[in-house]
C-alpha atoms as a PDB file:
ATOM      1  CA  MET A   1       6.452  29.191   3.392  1.00  0.00           C
ATOM      2  CA  ALA A   2       4.999  25.772   2.590  1.00  0.00           C
ATOM      3  CA  ARG A   3       2.075  25.380   0.212  1.00  0.00           C
ATOM      4  CA  PRO A   4      -1.246  24.642   1.892  1.00  0.00           C
ATOM      5  CA  GLU A   5      -2.422  21.066   1.568  1.00  0.00           C
ATOM      6  CA  ARG A   6      -5.400  20.399  -0.635  1.00  0.00           C
ATOM      7  CA  PRO A   7      -8.585  19.810   1.325  1.00  0.00           C
ATOM      8  CA  LEU A   8      -9.580  16.193   1.867  1.00  0.00           C
ATOM      9  CA  ASP A   9     -13.060  14.807   2.354  1.00  0.00           C
ATOM     10  CA  PRO A  10     -12.955  11.467   4.203  1.00  0.00           C
ATOM     11  CA  ALA A  11     -16.270  10.576   2.564  1.00  0.00           C
ATOM     12  CA  ASP A  12     -14.592  10.540  -0.879  1.00  0.00           C
ATOM     13  CA  GLY A  13     -13.164   7.060  -0.387  1.00  0.00           C
ATOM     14  CA  SER A  14     -10.896   4.910   1.704  1.00  0.00           C
ATOM     15  CA  LEU A  15      -7.662   6.458   0.381  1.00  0.00           C
ATOM     16  CA  GLU A  16      -8.780  10.009   1.168  1.00  0.00           C
ATOM     17  CA  LYS A  17     -10.039   8.894   4.578  1.00  0.00           C
ATOM     18  CA  PHE A  18      -6.654   7.329   5.390  1.00  0.00           C
ATOM     19  CA  ALA A  19      -4.816  10.516   4.369  1.00  0.00           C
ATOM     20  CA  TYR A  20      -7.341  12.613   6.308  1.00  0.00           C
ATOM     21  CA  GLU A  21      -6.635  10.541   9.434  1.00  0.00           C
ATOM     22  CA  LEU A  22      -2.868  10.955   8.937  1.00  0.00           C
ATOM     23  CA  ARG A  23      -3.320  14.721   8.735  1.00  0.00           C
ATOM     24  CA  LYS A  24      -5.519  14.665  11.828  1.00  0.00           C
ATOM     25  CA  LEU A  25      -2.796  12.757  13.686  1.00  0.00           C
ATOM     26  CA  ARG A  26      -0.250  15.374  12.632  1.00  0.00           C
ATOM     27  CA  LEU A  27      -2.530  18.141  13.930  1.00  0.00           C
ATOM     28  CA  GLN A  28      -2.908  16.290  17.247  1.00  0.00           C
ATOM     29  CA  ALA A  29       0.890  16.152  17.444  1.00  0.00           C
ATOM     30  CA  GLY A  30       1.031  19.959  17.285  1.00  0.00           C
ATOM     31  CA  ASN A  31       1.096  20.252  13.474  1.00  0.00           C
ATOM     32  CA  PRO A  32       4.890  19.954  13.113  1.00  0.00           C
ATOM     33  CA  PRO A  33       6.290  20.929   9.709  1.00  0.00           C
ATOM     34  CA  TYR A  34       7.046  18.042   7.369  1.00  0.00           C
ATOM     35  CA  ARG A  35      10.738  18.922   7.661  1.00  0.00           C
ATOM     36  CA  THR A  36      10.567  18.180  11.406  1.00  0.00           C
ATOM     37  CA  LEU A  37       8.659  14.953  10.765  1.00  0.00           C
ATOM     38  CA  ALA A  38      11.257  13.975   8.158  1.00  0.00           C
ATOM     39  CA  GLU A  39      14.089  14.448  10.654  1.00  0.00           C
ATOM     40  CA  ARG A  40      12.268  12.314  13.227  1.00  0.00           C
ATOM     41  CA  ALA A  41      11.203   9.631  10.771  1.00  0.00           C
ATOM     42  CA  HIS A  42      14.381   9.502   8.656  1.00  0.00           C
ATOM     43  CA  TYR A  43      12.215   9.781   5.541  1.00  0.00           C
ATOM     44  CA  SER A  44      12.116  12.563   2.991  1.00  0.00           C
ATOM     45  CA  VAL A  45       9.729  15.484   3.302  1.00  0.00           C
ATOM     46  CA  ALA A  46       8.234  14.496  -0.060  1.00  0.00           C
ATOM     47  CA  THR A  47       7.522  10.916   1.047  1.00  0.00           C
ATOM     48  CA  LEU A  48       5.771  12.009   4.229  1.00  0.00           C
ATOM     49  CA  ALA A  49       3.805  14.777   2.510  1.00  0.00           C
ATOM     50  CA  GLU A  50       2.779  12.366  -0.249  1.00  0.00           C
ATOM     51  CA  ALA A  51       1.511   9.902   2.375  1.00  0.00           C
ATOM     52  CA  ALA A  52      -0.987  12.531   3.554  1.00  0.00           C
ATOM     53  CA  ARG A  53      -2.026  13.789   0.099  1.00  0.00           C
ATOM     54  CA  GLY A  54      -4.588  11.072  -0.497  1.00  0.00           C
ATOM     55  CA  LEU A  55      -3.664  10.413  -4.115  1.00  0.00           C
ATOM     56  CA  ARG A  56      -1.705   7.163  -3.668  1.00  0.00           C
ATOM     57  CA  LYS A  57      -1.448   4.582  -0.952  1.00  0.00           C
ATOM     58  CA  PRO A  58       1.733   5.145   1.065  1.00  0.00           C
ATOM     59  CA  SER A  59       3.991   2.205   1.796  1.00  0.00           C
ATOM     60  CA  LEU A  60       3.570   0.503   5.135  1.00  0.00           C
ATOM     61  CA  LYS A  61       7.068   1.613   6.155  1.00  0.00           C
ATOM     62  CA  ALA A  62       6.335   5.257   5.312  1.00  0.00           C
ATOM     63  CA  THR A  63       3.050   5.058   7.220  1.00  0.00           C
ATOM     64  CA  ILE A  64       4.757   3.641  10.313  1.00  0.00           C
ATOM     65  CA  ALA A  65       7.500   6.286  10.114  1.00  0.00           C
ATOM     66  CA  TYR A  66       4.910   9.091   9.760  1.00  0.00           C
ATOM     67  CA  VAL A  67       2.899   7.816  12.728  1.00  0.00           C
ATOM     68  CA  GLU A  68       5.964   7.340  14.942  1.00  0.00           C
ATOM     69  CA  ALA A  69       7.247  10.818  14.019  1.00  0.00           C
ATOM     70  CA  CYS A  70       3.915  12.147  15.285  1.00  0.00           C
ATOM     71  CA  GLY A  71       4.505  10.293  18.555  1.00  0.00           C
ATOM     72  CA  ALA A  72       1.693   7.782  18.094  1.00  0.00           C
ATOM     73  CA  ASP A  73       1.544   4.003  18.414  1.00  0.00           C
ATOM     74  CA  PRO A  74       1.938   2.447  14.948  1.00  0.00           C
ATOM     75  CA  ALA A  75       0.054  -0.791  15.761  1.00  0.00           C
ATOM     76  CA  PRO A  76      -3.453   0.528  14.989  1.00  0.00           C
ATOM     77  CA  TRP A  77      -2.112   2.204  11.865  1.00  0.00           C
ATOM     78  CA  VAL A  78      -0.701  -1.072  10.563  1.00  0.00           C
ATOM     79  CA  ARG A  79      -4.208  -2.522  10.859  1.00  0.00           C
ATOM     80  CA  LEU A  80      -5.692   0.550   9.109  1.00  0.00           C
ATOM     81  CA  TRP A  81      -3.086   0.268   6.339  1.00  0.00           C
ATOM     82  CA  TYR A  82      -4.067  -3.361   5.686  1.00  0.00           C
ATOM     83  CA  GLU A  83      -7.747  -2.399   5.701  1.00  0.00           C
ATOM     84  CA  LEU A  84      -6.938   0.288   3.145  1.00  0.00           C
ATOM     85  CA  THR A  85      -5.048  -2.225   1.035  1.00  0.00           C
ATOM     86  CA  ALA A  86      -8.015  -4.612   1.103  1.00  0.00           C
ATOM     87  CA  ALA A  87     -10.427  -1.788   0.233  1.00  0.00           C
ATOM     88  CA  LEU A  88      -8.334  -0.760  -2.768  1.00  0.00           C
ATOM     89  CA  GLU A  89      -8.047  -4.274  -4.197  1.00  0.00           C
ATOM     90  CA  PRO A  90     -10.729  -5.141  -6.717  1.00  0.00           C
ATOM     91  CA  ALA A  91     -13.188  -7.748  -5.531  1.00  0.00           C
ATOM     92  CA  PRO A  92     -12.803 -11.048  -7.334  1.00  0.00           C
ATOM     93  CA  GLY A  93     -15.597 -11.615  -9.788  1.00  0.00           C
ATOM     94  CA  PRO A  94     -17.216 -14.848 -10.831  1.00  0.00           C
ATOM     95  CA  PRO A  95     -15.375 -16.932 -13.404  1.00  0.00           C
ATOM     96  CA  PRO A  96     -16.345 -16.073 -16.979  1.00  0.00           C
ATOM     97  CA  THR A  97     -19.024 -18.257 -18.524  1.00  0.00           C
ATOM     98  CA  SER A  98     -17.948 -17.661 -22.087  1.00  0.00           C
ATOM     99  CA  LEU A  99     -14.623 -17.152 -23.737  1.00  0.00           C
ATOM    100  CA  PRO A 100     -13.814 -14.264 -26.089  1.00  0.00           C
ATOM    101  CA  PRO A 101     -12.998 -15.032 -29.700  1.00  0.00           C
ATOM    102  CA  PRO A 102      -9.361 -16.045 -30.241  1.00  0.00           C
ATOM    103  CA  LEU A 103      -6.837 -13.363 -31.123  1.00  0.00           C
ATOM    104  CA  ALA A 104      -5.600 -15.153 -34.214  1.00  0.00           C
ATOM    105  CA  GLY A 105      -6.167 -13.266 -37.458  1.00  0.00           C
ATOM    106  CA  ARG A 106      -6.318  -9.825 -35.832  1.00  0.00           C
ATOM    107  CA  PRO A 107      -3.819  -7.131 -36.796  1.00  0.00           C
ATOM    108  CA  ALA A 108      -0.654  -7.001 -34.669  1.00  0.00           C
ATOM    109  CA  ALA A 109      -1.619  -3.610 -33.206  1.00  0.00           C
ATOM    110  CA  ASP A 110      -4.831  -5.123 -31.802  1.00  0.00           C
ATOM    111  CA  VAL A 111      -2.970  -8.047 -30.256  1.00  0.00           C
ATOM    112  CA  ARG A 112      -0.440  -5.752 -28.561  1.00  0.00           C
ATOM    113  CA  GLY A 113      -3.244  -3.582 -27.210  1.00  0.00           C
ATOM    114  CA  THR A 114      -5.075  -6.446 -25.520  1.00  0.00           C
ATOM    115  CA  ARG A 115      -4.352  -7.832 -22.101  1.00  0.00           C
ATOM    116  CA  ARG A 116      -5.033 -11.467 -21.407  1.00  0.00           C
ATOM    117  CA  ARG A 117      -6.900 -12.085 -18.226  1.00  0.00           C
ATOM    118  CA  VAL A 118      -7.437 -15.250 -16.274  1.00  0.00           C
ATOM    119  CA  GLY A 119     -10.151 -17.276 -17.952  1.00  0.00           C
ATOM    120  CA  GLN A 120      -9.909 -15.513 -21.303  1.00  0.00           C
ATOM    121  CA  ASP A 121      -7.164 -17.633 -22.830  1.00  0.00           C
ATOM    122  CA  PRO A 122      -8.923 -20.189 -25.027  1.00  0.00           C
ATOM    123  CA  SER A 123      -5.881 -22.483 -24.939  1.00  0.00           C
ATOM    124  CA  LEU A 124      -6.389 -23.203 -21.199  1.00  0.00           C
ATOM    125  CA  THR A 125      -8.592 -25.996 -19.894  1.00  0.00           C
ATOM    126  CA  PRO A 126     -11.040 -25.235 -17.058  1.00  0.00           C
ATOM    127  CA  SER A 127      -8.782 -27.030 -14.556  1.00  0.00           C
ATOM    128  CA  GLU A 128      -5.767 -25.007 -15.756  1.00  0.00           C
ATOM    129  CA  ARG A 129      -7.779 -21.787 -15.364  1.00  0.00           C
ATOM    130  CA  ARG A 130      -8.750 -22.746 -11.794  1.00  0.00           C
ATOM    131  CA  GLU A 131      -5.132 -23.597 -10.988  1.00  0.00           C
ATOM    132  CA  LEU A 132      -3.954 -20.276 -12.433  1.00  0.00           C
ATOM    133  CA  VAL A 133      -6.479 -18.389 -10.309  1.00  0.00           C
ATOM    134  CA  GLU A 134      -5.381 -20.325  -7.207  1.00  0.00           C
ATOM    135  CA  LEU A 135      -1.710 -19.617  -7.925  1.00  0.00           C
ATOM    136  CA  ARG A 136      -2.366 -15.900  -8.400  1.00  0.00           C
ATOM    137  CA  ASP A 137      -4.325 -15.803  -5.128  1.00  0.00           C
ATOM    138  CA  GLU A 138      -1.447 -17.574  -3.378  1.00  0.00           C
ATOM    139  CA  ILE A 139       1.053 -15.083  -4.810  1.00  0.00           C
ATOM    140  CA  ALA A 140      -1.090 -12.168  -3.581  1.00  0.00           C
ATOM    141  CA  GLU A 141      -1.237 -13.697  -0.093  1.00  0.00           C
ATOM    142  CA  LEU A 142       2.535 -14.257  -0.083  1.00  0.00           C
ATOM    143  CA  ARG A 143       3.086 -10.638  -1.085  1.00  0.00           C
ATOM    144  CA  ARG A 144       0.863  -9.436   1.776  1.00  0.00           C
ATOM    145  CA  SER A 145       2.736 -11.697   4.200  1.00  0.00           C
ATOM    146  CA  ASN A 146       6.038 -10.365   2.878  1.00  0.00           C
ATOM    147  CA  GLU A 147       4.916  -6.779   3.611  1.00  0.00           C
ATOM    148  CA  VAL A 148       4.138  -7.784   7.202  1.00  0.00           C
ATOM    149  CA  LEU A 149       7.534  -9.414   7.582  1.00  0.00           C
ATOM    150  CA  LYS A 150       9.307  -6.384   6.096  1.00  0.00           C
ATOM    151  CA  ALA A 151       7.517  -4.053   8.493  1.00  0.00           C
ATOM    152  CA  ALA A 152       8.244  -6.277  11.477  1.00  0.00           C
ATOM    153  CA  SER A 153      11.920  -6.595  10.576  1.00  0.00           C
ATOM    154  CA  ALA A 154      12.200  -2.802  10.204  1.00  0.00           C
ATOM    155  CA  ILE A 155      10.688  -2.353  13.657  1.00  0.00           C
ATOM    156  CA  PHE A 156      12.957  -4.996  15.181  1.00  0.00           C
ATOM    157  CA  ALA A 157      16.038  -3.498  13.510  1.00  0.00           C
ATOM    158  CA  ARG A 158      15.134  -0.052  14.833  1.00  0.00           C
ATOM    159  CA  ASP A 159      14.645  -1.492  18.345  1.00  0.00           C
ATOM    160  CA  LEU A 160      17.956  -3.334  18.115  1.00  0.00           C
ATOM    161  CA  ASP A 161      19.727  -0.121  17.071  1.00  0.00           C
ATOM    162  CA  LEU A 162      18.237   1.660  20.082  1.00  0.00           C
ATOM    163  CA  ILE A 163      19.385  -1.113  22.426  1.00  0.00           C
ATOM    164  CA  ARG A 164      22.865  -1.103  20.936  1.00  0.00           C
ATOM    165  CA  SER A 165      23.181   2.673  21.179  1.00  0.00           C
ATOM    166  CA  ARG A 166      22.082   2.570  24.824  1.00  0.00           C
ATOM    167  CA  ASN A 167      24.587  -0.157  25.612  1.00  0.00           C
ATOM    168  CA  GLU A 168      27.399   1.774  23.947  1.00  0.00           C
ATOM    169  CA  GLY A 169      26.584   4.793  26.095  1.00  0.00           C
ATOM    170  CA  ARG A 170      27.303   2.896  29.326  1.00  0.00           C
END
């Protein structure tokens, strides 16, 4: 017999709310075992169970597979997944007004233990700092766009496979 899932409180944060909604969807689908969902979704039991645990954000592909295995439309869930992603990203803060002291002269262990952040490198000019921030923002946007394209291509590939299998059956 499967272990019972830990209780989730949707008020505990956006990640728990997302997992709570996934579990609710599964219940609405008749509460199929994760093994059945895994067969329908072509994902592992562990991946699908992890998506509904509320400890980590599931991938977009795993979310779509979970939702489709429950017989639901994935479109609203894609939107919810992106809302979750935005909620989990830290809000950008104002640029620093002062720079920390340089790292030179500190013991090597201290230098290895520090992490340089945008705006804290004294060797950068203000225009270089702004450009670095802009480039990092652009990279983040490209990564989000790439996730959308990956999800869309997975959906299109699945649809194409269905069409091909229907045509072969004629």
